[in-house]
Amino acid sequence: MSEDREPVVDTSAAAYVYVQVADHVAWQIRVGRLQPGARLAGERDLAQEYGVSVATARRAVQELRERGLVLTLPAKGTFVAGPGSGGG
C-alpha cells in the first residue's frame, strides 16, 4: 500500500474486509486526518460508512487496537492513540 494514496475498501476483494477497513482508518491517522485523541466513530457508524457488518467494523477496531493505533475506553469510546499511550 502506498503511503500517499488513500486505500480503497473493496468488499468484493479476496482480502479480509476488516483489514481493508483498518488499513483505511490507519491511513487517515498517518496522513493526519485523525489526530491523537480524536474519537473514532462508533462501530455501527463505521459499519454504515464502509458498507460492512457491525461485526466487521468491530474486528477492524480490534485490529487497530492490536496495531497500537487506537485505545478503547469502556463507556467512553475509541480514540486515536497518542505519544506515550503505546500507539505513537
Protein backbone atom coordinates (compact mmCIF):
# COMPACT_ATOMS: atom_id res chain seq x y z
CA MET A 1 0.00 0.00 0.00
CA SER A 2 1.40 3.37 -0.99
CA GLU A 3 1.76 5.89 1.83
CA ASP A 4 0.47 8.68 -0.46
CA ARG A 5 -2.65 7.09 -1.90
CA GLU A 6 -5.85 6.63 0.03
CA PRO A 7 -6.61 2.90 0.37
CA VAL A 8 -9.84 1.66 -1.15
CA VAL A 9 -12.19 -0.67 0.71
CA ASP A 10 -13.45 -3.27 -1.78
CA THR A 11 -15.92 -5.60 -0.11
CA SER A 12 -15.74 -7.95 -3.12
CA ALA A 13 -11.95 -8.35 -2.88
CA ALA A 14 -10.29 -11.53 -1.64
CA ALA A 15 -8.51 -9.73 1.22
CA TYR A 16 -10.24 -9.67 4.58
CA VAL A 17 -12.58 -6.70 4.62
CA TYR A 18 -11.83 -5.88 8.25
CA VAL A 19 -8.15 -5.48 7.34
CA GLN A 20 -9.10 -3.13 4.50
CA VAL A 21 -11.22 -1.03 6.87
CA ALA A 22 -8.43 -0.98 9.47
CA ASP A 23 -5.90 -0.03 6.77
CA HIS A 24 -8.11 2.87 5.67
CA VAL A 25 -8.51 4.19 9.21
CA ALA A 26 -4.76 3.71 9.81
CA TRP A 27 -4.08 5.72 6.65
CA GLN A 28 -6.30 8.51 7.97
CA ILE A 29 -4.24 8.53 11.16
CA ARG A 30 -0.95 8.50 9.23
CA VAL A 31 -1.86 11.45 7.00
CA GLY A 32 -3.28 13.49 9.88
CA ARG A 33 -6.98 13.30 9.08
CA LEU A 34 -7.40 11.70 12.50
CA GLN A 35 -5.26 13.34 15.18
CA PRO A 36 -4.16 11.80 18.50
CA GLY A 37 -7.04 12.00 20.93
CA ALA A 38 -9.68 12.12 18.19
CA ARG A 39 -12.70 9.93 18.85
CA LEU A 40 -13.44 7.29 16.22
CA ALA A 41 -16.97 6.81 15.02
CA GLY A 42 -18.87 4.07 16.84
CA GLU A 43 -18.92 0.57 15.39
CA ARG A 44 -22.42 0.99 13.94
CA ASP A 45 -21.41 4.26 12.29
CA LEU A 46 -18.19 2.72 10.93
CA ALA A 47 -20.18 -0.22 9.58
CA GLN A 48 -22.56 2.14 7.80
CA GLU A 49 -19.74 4.34 6.49
CA TYR A 50 -17.85 1.40 4.99
CA GLY A 51 -20.88 -0.66 3.97
CA VAL A 52 -19.90 -3.61 6.16
CA SER A 53 -21.46 -5.51 9.05
CA VAL A 54 -21.10 -4.32 12.63
CA ALA A 55 -19.07 -7.48 13.32
CA THR A 56 -16.63 -6.50 10.56
CA ALA A 57 -16.35 -2.95 11.93
CA ARG A 58 -15.78 -4.36 15.42
CA ARG A 59 -13.00 -6.62 14.12
CA ALA A 60 -11.41 -3.65 12.29
CA VAL A 61 -11.33 -1.66 15.54
CA GLN A 62 -9.81 -4.67 17.29
CA GLU A 63 -7.14 -4.79 14.57
CA LEU A 64 -6.39 -1.09 15.11
CA ARG A 65 -6.05 -1.73 18.88
CA GLU A 66 -3.68 -4.63 18.17
CA ARG A 67 -1.59 -2.30 15.97
CA GLY A 68 -1.47 0.19 18.85
CA LEU A 69 -3.18 2.90 16.82
CA VAL A 70 -6.29 3.32 18.95
CA LEU A 71 -7.37 2.90 22.55
CA THR A 72 -10.85 1.90 23.64
CA LEU A 73 -12.10 3.29 26.94
CA PRO A 74 -15.16 1.49 28.32
CA ALA A 75 -18.31 3.62 28.20
CA LYS A 76 -16.34 6.46 26.54
CA GLY A 77 -15.39 5.27 23.06
CA THR A 78 -12.36 4.56 20.91
CA PHE A 79 -9.70 7.21 20.44
CA VAL A 80 -6.62 7.66 18.30
CA ALA A 81 -3.60 6.82 20.42
CA GLY A 82 -1.00 9.47 21.00
CA PRO A 83 2.61 9.61 22.10
CA GLY A 84 3.16 7.81 25.38
CA SER A 85 -0.07 5.84 25.08
CA GLY A 86 1.53 2.86 23.40
CA GLY A 87 0.30 3.88 19.98
CA GLY A 88 2.58 6.53 18.72
